[in-house]
């Protein structure tokens, strides 16, 4: 909606003159002839500036000022006062008015005050949006930890997609944090105040899957003693996360496709359509495109779900993130277990970086858990039989070197001199190694 100025005056001639003066300067306006009409307009569609006469029938302009500021304290309200009414002008300014205009006034003066109010409002909204973006970015970076290219790209895509309602398909191996990605999408979106409903499709019994998702009416089937609201209906206004979507029974896939197309559902045992508005985020550990091409998943549903896709990279492809992730888990788990956070020797950290991590981030968290408890020996990656996992020695050495550099840069707040000192190498050598590993200070 384009910015507009709401003009409030009970005199139709004055109202028309004010609106005409503003419209001639290409400022969109709307008019109201009472406080009640003005406040109803504000609640329907927030204006960018309110210009109100203080003398109105019934509730006066001061009531308009108070209630508008109660809705949004930063909305500029300009109050028109009578000639010589200085005490009233002081009163409205103390009450929070942006400015006041004394009658009689020139149209040019009204336009100038309205323009300044519009500029102030635009700046206020811009600052709000920037703060919102910074808050969401900080929240995402604190939850999806890492500086590897895949993780940086994942966070950027989450930020780009968060304020939309498009369906998202998250691809990733088991343990890569697909549900965490879905939660970050939800928490950075305008739907954050509503429900985030997660369903593991692989854990749905086929006979109860439709009832679980779509709900049922009392008596719809044997044992249905009372009405049940399904997960999709419960998630309306929020986000529905469908994990292991590849495991969804074919009969349920058909009904889910209809919900995505029509944005309505019918509970089992009912013919009444119910409007639903939930964002669908699905996750899969298989290539759903290949599976649908082979007839193992409905192709039309795949294309509906795959409007946008995200990849949660496996841990073996982001080895430079392992030290930071491990430290994060150790700090949290030491608090949970009430034990001091252990310091991992370089030799053990090298094993962490070189290990294959078939269980990905989930497995790394388990290792951190065992380290905090002091029972890590005998388990991968520290067990003697797990010292190698097929990773070539040069690749493991490179991965470890890159991870050490990333960790040193992070610890030294991106200061190259301090990082070189921490690594006990010349600054020129650090430059060369950063170039070799495609690293930048940021």
Protein backbone atom coordinates (compact mmCIF):
# COMPACT_ATOMS: atom_id res chain seq x y z
CA UNK A 1 0.00 0.00 0.00
CA UNK A 2 1.36 3.42 -0.98
CA UNK A 3 1.94 6.07 1.72
CA UNK A 4 -0.97 8.40 2.41
CA UNK A 5 -2.00 11.25 4.68
CA UNK A 6 -5.24 10.98 6.67
CA UNK A 7 -6.97 14.38 7.00
CA UNK A 8 -9.61 14.76 9.73
CA UNK A 9 -11.97 17.78 9.78
CA UNK A 10 -15.72 18.08 10.27
CA UNK A 11 -15.99 21.07 7.91
CA UNK A 12 -16.43 19.60 4.40
CA UNK A 13 -15.01 22.70 2.70
CA UNK A 14 -11.85 22.72 4.87
CA UNK A 15 -11.46 18.96 4.41
CA UNK A 16 -11.76 19.29 0.64
CA UNK A 17 -9.30 22.19 0.55
CA UNK A 18 -6.68 20.34 2.62
CA UNK A 19 -6.96 17.18 0.53
CA UNK A 20 -6.82 19.13 -2.73
CA UNK A 21 -3.69 21.03 -1.64
CA UNK A 22 -1.92 17.77 -0.82
CA UNK A 23 -3.13 15.91 -3.92
CA UNK A 24 -1.91 18.73 -6.20
CA UNK A 25 1.57 17.96 -4.81
CA UNK A 26 1.08 14.22 -5.60
CA UNK A 27 0.52 13.27 -1.97
CA UNK A 28 -2.16 10.59 -1.61
CA UNK A 29 -4.86 11.47 0.92
CA UNK A 30 -7.92 10.05 2.62
CA UNK A 31 -10.48 12.07 4.55
CA UNK A 32 -12.56 11.60 7.71
CA UNK A 33 -15.15 13.92 9.28
CA UNK A 34 -15.09 12.62 12.87
CA UNK A 35 -12.75 11.04 15.39
CA UNK A 36 -14.64 7.75 15.20
CA UNK A 37 -14.37 7.61 11.39
CA UNK A 38 -10.69 8.52 11.53
CA UNK A 39 -9.81 5.88 14.13
CA UNK A 40 -11.70 3.20 12.21
CA UNK A 41 -9.65 4.13 9.14
CA UNK A 42 -6.39 3.97 11.15
CA UNK A 43 -7.24 0.49 12.43
CA UNK A 44 -8.05 -0.73 8.89
CA UNK A 45 -5.00 0.72 7.21
CA UNK A 46 -2.30 2.60 9.07
CA UNK A 47 -1.60 6.00 7.40
CA UNK A 48 1.86 7.54 7.24
CA UNK A 49 0.75 10.91 8.64
CA UNK A 50 -2.44 12.06 10.38
CA UNK A 51 -3.57 15.70 10.12
CA UNK A 52 -6.51 16.42 12.44
CA UNK A 53 -8.42 19.50 13.55
CA UNK A 54 -8.59 19.73 17.33
CA UNK A 55 -12.27 20.81 17.23
CA UNK A 56 -14.38 17.81 16.17
CA UNK A 57 -17.95 16.76 17.01
CA UNK A 58 -18.04 14.24 19.85
CA UNK A 59 -14.50 13.11 20.59
CA UNK A 60 -11.99 15.82 19.69
CA UNK A 61 -8.62 15.83 17.96
CA UNK A 62 -6.80 15.17 21.22
CA UNK A 63 -8.60 11.82 21.46
CA UNK A 64 -7.47 11.07 17.90
CA UNK A 65 -3.90 11.97 18.89
CA UNK A 66 -3.95 9.76 22.00
CA UNK A 67 -5.45 6.71 20.29
CA UNK A 68 -3.25 6.95 17.19
CA UNK A 69 -0.13 7.12 19.36
CA UNK A 70 -1.42 4.16 21.38
CA UNK A 71 -1.54 2.16 18.13
CA UNK A 72 1.88 3.39 16.91
CA UNK A 73 3.86 5.84 19.05
CA UNK A 74 6.08 6.78 16.07
CA UNK A 75 3.27 7.82 13.72
CA UNK A 76 3.43 11.60 13.01
CA UNK A 77 0.22 13.36 14.06
CA UNK A 78 -0.23 17.02 13.06
CA UNK A 79 -2.90 18.94 15.00
CA UNK A 80 -4.68 22.00 13.58
CA UNK A 81 -5.42 24.56 16.31
CA UNK A 82 -7.35 27.82 16.43
CA UNK A 83 -5.66 31.22 16.02
CA UNK A 84 -3.98 32.43 19.20
CA UNK A 85 -4.63 29.20 21.11
CA UNK A 86 -1.04 28.95 22.38
CA UNK A 87 -1.84 26.94 25.51
CA UNK A 88 -3.62 24.30 23.42
CA UNK A 89 -0.66 24.13 21.01
CA UNK A 90 1.69 23.53 23.94
CA UNK A 91 -0.67 20.87 25.28
CA UNK A 92 -0.79 18.89 22.02
CA UNK A 93 2.99 19.01 21.62
CA UNK A 94 3.44 17.69 25.15
CA UNK A 95 0.92 14.96 24.35
CA UNK A 96 3.19 13.72 21.57
CA UNK A 97 2.03 15.55 18.43
CA UNK A 98 4.60 15.77 15.64
CA UNK A 99 3.66 19.40 14.87
CA UNK A 100 0.74 21.82 14.97
CA UNK A 101 -0.70 24.21 12.38
CA UNK A 102 -2.38 27.41 13.47
CA UNK A 103 -5.49 28.64 11.62
CA UNK A 104 -5.64 30.32 9.21
CA UNK A 105 -2.79 28.73 7.26
CA UNK A 106 -1.53 28.71 3.70
CA UNK A 107 -1.87 25.47 1.68
CA UNK A 108 1.89 25.53 1.06
CA UNK A 109 2.55 25.37 4.79
CA UNK A 110 0.27 22.33 5.17
CA UNK A 111 2.10 20.61 2.31
CA UNK A 112 5.50 21.37 3.86
CA UNK A 113 4.51 19.96 7.27
CA UNK A 114 2.96 16.86 5.65
CA UNK A 115 6.09 16.25 3.55
CA UNK A 116 8.32 16.44 6.62
CA UNK A 117 5.99 14.04 8.42
CA UNK A 118 6.12 11.60 5.49
CA UNK A 119 9.92 11.75 5.43
CA UNK A 120 10.08 11.11 9.17
CA UNK A 121 7.69 8.16 8.83
CA UNK A 122 9.70 6.67 5.94
CA UNK A 123 12.89 6.93 7.99
CA UNK A 124 11.19 5.34 11.02
CA UNK A 125 9.93 2.40 8.96
CA UNK A 126 13.36 1.94 7.35
CA UNK A 127 15.06 1.85 10.76
CA UNK A 128 12.47 -0.65 12.02
CA UNK A 129 13.09 -2.90 9.02
CA UNK A 130 16.86 -2.73 9.45
CA UNK A 131 16.56 -3.58 13.14
CA UNK A 132 14.24 -6.44 12.26
CA UNK A 133 16.72 -7.79 9.70
CA UNK A 134 19.66 -7.44 12.10
CA UNK A 135 17.73 -9.19 14.86
CA UNK A 136 16.78 -12.06 12.54
CA UNK A 137 20.31 -12.29 11.14
CA UNK A 138 21.78 -12.40 14.63
CA UNK A 139 19.29 -15.06 15.63
CA UNK A 140 20.06 -17.19 12.57
CA UNK A 141 23.85 -16.85 12.94
CA UNK A 142 23.59 -17.85 16.60
CA UNK A 143 21.64 -20.99 15.67
CA UNK A 144 23.12 -22.06 12.33
CA UNK A 145 26.78 -21.90 13.26
CA UNK A 146 29.67 -21.86 10.81
CA UNK A 147 31.63 -19.84 8.28
CA UNK A 148 31.93 -22.39 5.47
CA UNK A 149 30.61 -21.30 2.06
CA UNK A 150 27.68 -23.74 2.20
CA UNK A 151 26.52 -22.50 5.59
CA UNK A 152 26.94 -18.83 4.65
CA UNK A 153 24.84 -19.45 1.53
CA UNK A 154 22.22 -21.36 3.56
CA UNK A 155 21.82 -18.49 6.04
CA UNK A 156 21.53 -15.97 3.20
CA UNK A 157 18.80 -18.00 1.50
CA UNK A 158 16.88 -18.34 4.77
CA UNK A 159 16.96 -14.54 5.15
CA UNK A 160 15.83 -14.09 1.53
CA UNK A 161 12.93 -16.56 1.82
CA UNK A 162 11.81 -15.89 5.39
CA UNK A 163 9.33 -13.09 4.67
CA UNK A 164 7.64 -14.99 1.83
CA UNK A 165 5.07 -17.79 2.06
CA UNK A 166 6.46 -20.02 -0.70
CA UNK A 167 6.80 -23.74 -0.06
CA UNK A 168 10.37 -24.78 0.70
CA UNK A 169 12.05 -28.17 0.29
CA UNK A 170 15.08 -28.76 2.53
CA UNK A 171 17.53 -31.38 1.28
CA UNK A 172 20.13 -32.96 3.50
CA UNK A 173 21.46 -36.14 5.01
CA UNK A 174 20.29 -37.42 8.38
CA UNK A 175 21.66 -35.28 11.19
CA UNK A 176 22.47 -32.17 9.16
CA UNK A 177 19.91 -30.00 10.99
CA UNK A 178 17.00 -29.81 8.55
CA UNK A 179 14.44 -29.15 11.30
CA UNK A 180 16.65 -26.38 12.68
CA UNK A 181 16.67 -24.77 9.22
CA UNK A 182 12.87 -25.01 9.10
CA UNK A 183 12.55 -23.43 12.56
CA UNK A 184 14.87 -20.57 11.55
CA UNK A 185 12.71 -19.95 8.48
CA UNK A 186 9.63 -19.79 10.71
CA UNK A 187 11.20 -17.62 13.41
CA UNK A 188 12.48 -15.08 10.88
CA UNK A 189 9.10 -14.87 9.13
CA UNK A 190 5.98 -12.78 9.81
CA UNK A 191 4.40 -16.06 11.03
CA UNK A 192 6.75 -16.28 14.02
CA UNK A 193 3.98 -15.54 16.55
CA UNK A 194 1.91 -18.53 15.37
CA UNK A 195 2.51 -22.27 15.61
CA UNK A 196 5.45 -24.22 14.23
CA UNK A 197 4.07 -27.74 13.79
CA UNK A 198 6.56 -30.53 13.01
CA UNK A 199 5.54 -33.97 11.73
CA UNK A 200 7.81 -36.89 10.94
CA UNK A 201 6.08 -38.51 7.97
CA UNK A 202 8.14 -41.68 8.45
CA UNK A 203 6.59 -42.14 11.89
CA UNK A 204 2.96 -41.80 10.77
CA UNK A 205 1.01 -45.11 10.80
CA UNK A 206 -0.66 -45.33 7.39
CA UNK A 207 -4.08 -46.00 8.90
CA UNK A 208 -3.91 -42.86 11.08
CA UNK A 209 -1.92 -40.55 8.80
CA UNK A 210 -5.00 -38.86 7.28
CA UNK A 211 -6.59 -38.27 10.68
CA UNK A 212 -3.31 -36.91 12.05
CA UNK A 213 -2.88 -34.44 9.19
CA UNK A 214 -6.45 -33.49 8.25
CA UNK A 215 -8.39 -34.22 11.47
CA UNK A 216 -11.72 -35.98 11.78
CA UNK A 217 -15.26 -35.52 13.02
CA UNK A 218 -16.81 -37.57 15.79
CA UNK A 219 -17.95 -40.92 14.41
CA UNK A 220 -15.86 -40.67 11.24
CA UNK A 221 -14.47 -44.15 11.92
CA UNK A 222 -14.42 -46.72 14.66
CA UNK A 223 -12.85 -45.19 17.74
CA UNK A 224 -13.39 -41.57 16.65
CA UNK A 225 -15.29 -40.56 19.78
CA UNK A 226 -14.86 -36.81 19.33
CA UNK A 227 -13.73 -34.22 16.82
CA UNK A 228 -9.98 -33.90 16.27
CA UNK A 229 -8.23 -30.89 14.75
CA UNK A 230 -5.55 -32.07 12.31
CA UNK A 231 -1.97 -30.83 12.22
CA UNK A 232 -2.52 -28.81 9.03
CA UNK A 233 -5.50 -26.96 10.47
CA UNK A 234 -3.67 -26.44 13.76
CA UNK A 235 -0.72 -24.91 11.86
CA UNK A 236 -2.94 -22.38 10.06
CA UNK A 237 -1.31 -18.96 10.26
CA UNK A 238 2.03 -20.58 11.07
CA UNK A 239 4.38 -23.14 9.54
CA UNK A 240 3.89 -26.87 8.93
CA UNK A 241 7.16 -28.84 8.79
CA UNK A 242 6.94 -32.25 7.07
CA UNK A 243 10.11 -34.20 7.80
CA UNK A 244 10.99 -37.31 5.76
CA UNK A 245 8.36 -36.29 3.22
CA UNK A 246 9.52 -39.14 0.97
CA UNK A 247 7.90 -41.56 3.46
CA UNK A 248 4.40 -40.06 3.15
CA UNK A 249 1.83 -42.68 2.01
CA UNK A 250 0.61 -42.17 -1.60
CA UNK A 251 -3.03 -41.76 -0.51
CA UNK A 252 -2.02 -38.90 1.79
CA UNK A 253 0.16 -37.30 -0.92
CA UNK A 254 -2.97 -36.84 -3.07
CA UNK A 255 -4.86 -35.08 -0.29
CA UNK A 256 -1.87 -32.90 0.64
CA UNK A 257 -1.57 -31.80 -3.00
CA UNK A 258 -5.21 -30.70 -2.94
CA UNK A 259 -4.61 -28.67 0.24
CA UNK A 260 -1.65 -26.93 -1.42
CA UNK A 261 -3.69 -26.16 -4.53
CA UNK A 262 -7.00 -25.13 -2.95
CA UNK A 263 -5.80 -23.91 0.47
CA UNK A 264 -8.74 -25.79 1.98
CA UNK A 265 -9.18 -29.16 3.66
CA UNK A 266 -12.01 -31.39 4.81
CA UNK A 267 -11.83 -33.33 8.03
CA UNK A 268 -12.54 -37.05 7.76
CA UNK A 269 -16.28 -37.56 8.03
CA UNK A 270 -17.09 -33.99 6.95
CA UNK A 271 -18.02 -32.32 3.66
CA UNK A 272 -17.37 -28.81 4.90
CA UNK A 273 -14.24 -27.17 3.42
CA UNK A 274 -12.05 -25.33 5.93
CA UNK A 275 -9.75 -22.53 4.84
CA UNK A 276 -6.15 -22.99 5.94
CA UNK A 277 -3.18 -20.68 5.56
CA UNK A 278 0.01 -22.39 6.63
CA UNK A 279 3.43 -22.33 5.08
CA UNK A 280 4.62 -25.78 4.03
CA UNK A 281 8.28 -26.62 4.65
CA UNK A 282 9.25 -30.18 3.75
CA UNK A 283 12.52 -32.03 4.28
CA UNK A 284 14.00 -35.09 2.64
CA UNK A 285 17.18 -37.12 2.94
CA UNK A 286 16.78 -38.54 -0.59
CA UNK A 287 16.76 -36.94 -4.03
CA UNK A 288 13.02 -36.35 -4.31
CA UNK A 289 13.32 -35.42 -7.99
CA UNK A 290 14.90 -38.78 -8.84
CA UNK A 291 12.39 -40.58 -6.62
CA UNK A 292 9.42 -38.89 -8.33
CA UNK A 293 10.86 -39.64 -11.80
CA UNK A 294 11.04 -43.31 -10.79
CA UNK A 295 7.40 -43.27 -9.64
CA UNK A 296 8.20 -43.47 -5.93
CA UNK A 297 6.72 -40.05 -5.17
CA UNK A 298 4.04 -37.96 -6.86
CA UNK A 299 5.74 -35.65 -9.35
CA UNK A 300 3.00 -32.99 -9.11
CA UNK A 301 3.39 -32.84 -5.34
CA UNK A 302 7.18 -32.67 -5.69
CA UNK A 303 6.92 -29.60 -7.92
CA UNK A 304 4.45 -27.99 -5.49
CA UNK A 305 6.83 -28.53 -2.57
CA UNK A 306 10.00 -27.61 -4.44
CA UNK A 307 9.16 -23.96 -5.18
CA UNK A 308 12.37 -23.06 -3.35
CA UNK A 309 15.01 -25.49 -2.15
CA UNK A 310 17.67 -25.33 0.54
CA UNK A 311 20.62 -27.63 1.13
CA UNK A 312 21.83 -28.49 4.63
CA UNK A 313 25.42 -29.51 3.79
CA UNK A 314 26.96 -32.62 5.39
CA UNK A 315 29.59 -32.04 8.04
CA UNK A 316 32.37 -33.62 5.98
CA UNK A 317 31.91 -30.81 3.42
CA UNK A 318 32.23 -28.07 6.06
CA UNK A 319 35.15 -29.33 8.14
CA UNK A 320 36.32 -25.79 8.94
CA UNK A 321 33.13 -25.36 11.00
CA UNK A 322 33.86 -28.37 13.25
CA UNK A 323 36.00 -26.59 15.91
CA UNK A 324 33.44 -23.81 16.33
CA UNK A 325 30.49 -26.21 16.40
CA UNK A 326 32.24 -28.48 18.87
CA UNK A 327 33.05 -25.56 21.17
CA UNK A 328 29.42 -24.41 20.99
CA UNK A 329 28.11 -27.84 21.96
CA UNK A 330 30.68 -28.25 24.75
CA UNK A 331 29.72 -24.88 26.27
CA UNK A 332 26.01 -25.71 26.24
CA UNK A 333 26.39 -29.29 27.46
CA UNK A 334 28.76 -28.36 30.27
CA UNK A 335 26.00 -26.12 31.62
CA UNK A 336 23.39 -28.87 31.18
CA UNK A 337 25.54 -31.46 32.99
CA UNK A 338 26.93 -29.04 35.57
CA UNK A 339 30.52 -29.92 34.66
CA UNK A 340 33.48 -27.80 33.54
CA UNK A 341 33.97 -27.42 29.78
CA UNK A 342 36.91 -29.61 28.75
CA UNK A 343 39.71 -28.24 26.56
CA UNK A 344 40.42 -30.51 23.61
CA UNK A 345 44.12 -31.08 22.77
CA UNK A 346 45.19 -30.27 19.17
CA UNK A 347 45.71 -33.97 18.38
CA UNK A 348 42.11 -34.76 19.28
CA UNK A 349 40.80 -31.73 17.40
CA UNK A 350 42.69 -32.98 14.35
CA UNK A 351 40.86 -36.29 14.64
CA UNK A 352 37.54 -34.44 14.84
CA UNK A 353 38.32 -32.47 11.68
CA UNK A 354 39.59 -35.53 9.76
CA UNK A 355 36.75 -37.86 10.76
CA UNK A 356 34.03 -38.73 8.20
CA UNK A 357 30.98 -37.89 10.36
CA UNK A 358 28.35 -40.26 8.94
CA UNK A 359 25.91 -38.94 11.56
CA UNK A 360 26.77 -35.31 10.74
CA UNK A 361 26.08 -32.54 13.29
CA UNK A 362 23.97 -34.84 15.45
CA UNK A 363 26.94 -37.19 15.83
CA UNK A 364 29.27 -34.27 16.62
CA UNK A 365 26.93 -33.21 19.41
CA UNK A 366 27.03 -36.74 20.82
CA UNK A 367 30.84 -36.64 20.79
CA UNK A 368 30.77 -33.30 22.61
CA UNK A 369 28.37 -34.83 25.13
CA UNK A 370 30.78 -37.71 25.80
CA UNK A 371 33.73 -35.32 26.09
CA UNK A 372 31.94 -33.25 28.72
CA UNK A 373 31.12 -36.46 30.60
CA UNK A 374 34.72 -37.71 30.20
CA UNK A 375 33.79 -40.96 28.40
CA UNK A 376 34.88 -40.19 24.84
CA UNK A 377 37.62 -42.86 24.56
CA UNK A 378 36.54 -46.04 22.83
CA UNK A 379 34.04 -44.21 20.62
CA UNK A 380 34.53 -42.69 17.16
CA UNK A 381 36.35 -40.54 16.23
CA UNK A 382 38.76 -41.22 19.11
CA UNK A 383 38.59 -45.04 19.05
CA UNK A 384 41.72 -46.68 17.68
CA UNK A 385 39.75 -48.48 14.95
CA UNK A 386 38.13 -45.21 13.89
CA UNK A 387 41.29 -43.20 13.46
CA UNK A 388 40.96 -43.34 9.70
CA UNK A 389 37.75 -43.27 7.72
CA UNK A 390 38.94 -43.40 4.15
CA UNK A 391 39.79 -39.71 3.97
CA UNK A 392 43.08 -39.20 2.13
CA UNK A 393 45.85 -37.82 4.32
CA UNK A 394 46.50 -34.67 2.19
CA UNK A 395 42.78 -33.80 2.25
CA UNK A 396 42.60 -34.34 6.01
CA UNK A 397 45.69 -32.17 6.58
CA UNK A 398 44.28 -29.41 4.36
CA UNK A 399 40.93 -29.55 6.14
CA UNK A 400 42.59 -29.36 9.53
CA UNK A 401 44.82 -26.46 8.45
CA UNK A 402 41.85 -24.54 7.05
CA UNK A 403 39.82 -25.16 10.20
CA UNK A 404 42.66 -23.95 12.44
CA UNK A 405 42.97 -20.74 10.41
CA UNK A 406 39.22 -20.09 10.51
CA UNK A 407 39.15 -20.70 14.26
CA UNK A 408 42.14 -18.39 14.85
CA UNK A 409 40.60 -15.61 12.75
CA UNK A 410 37.33 -15.93 14.63
CA UNK A 411 39.08 -15.95 18.02
CA UNK A 412 41.16 -12.88 17.08
CA UNK A 413 38.18 -10.94 15.71
CA UNK A 414 39.51 -11.15 12.11
CA UNK A 415 42.78 -9.44 13.03
CA UNK A 416 45.44 -11.00 10.76
CA UNK A 417 48.39 -9.95 12.90
CA UNK A 418 46.93 -11.48 16.06
CA UNK A 419 45.79 -14.60 14.18
CA UNK A 420 49.30 -15.12 12.77
CA UNK A 421 50.74 -14.77 16.26
CA UNK A 422 48.22 -17.25 17.65
CA UNK A 423 49.12 -19.75 14.92
CA UNK A 424 52.83 -19.03 15.45
CA UNK A 425 53.46 -18.34 11.76
CA UNK A 426 54.55 -15.19 9.88
CA UNK A 427 51.77 -12.93 8.67
CA UNK A 428 52.92 -13.44 5.05
CA UNK A 429 52.57 -17.21 5.49
CA UNK A 430 49.05 -16.72 6.85
CA UNK A 431 48.20 -14.64 3.76
CA UNK A 432 49.48 -17.42 1.49
CA UNK A 433 47.55 -20.12 3.32
CA UNK A 434 44.35 -18.06 3.29
CA UNK A 435 44.73 -17.64 -0.47
CA UNK A 436 45.33 -21.39 -0.83
CA UNK A 437 42.13 -22.21 1.11
CA UNK A 438 40.04 -19.44 -0.55
CA UNK A 439 39.58 -17.66 2.80
CA UNK A 440 38.92 -13.97 3.33
CA UNK A 441 39.01 -11.87 6.47
CA UNK A 442 35.20 -11.79 6.49
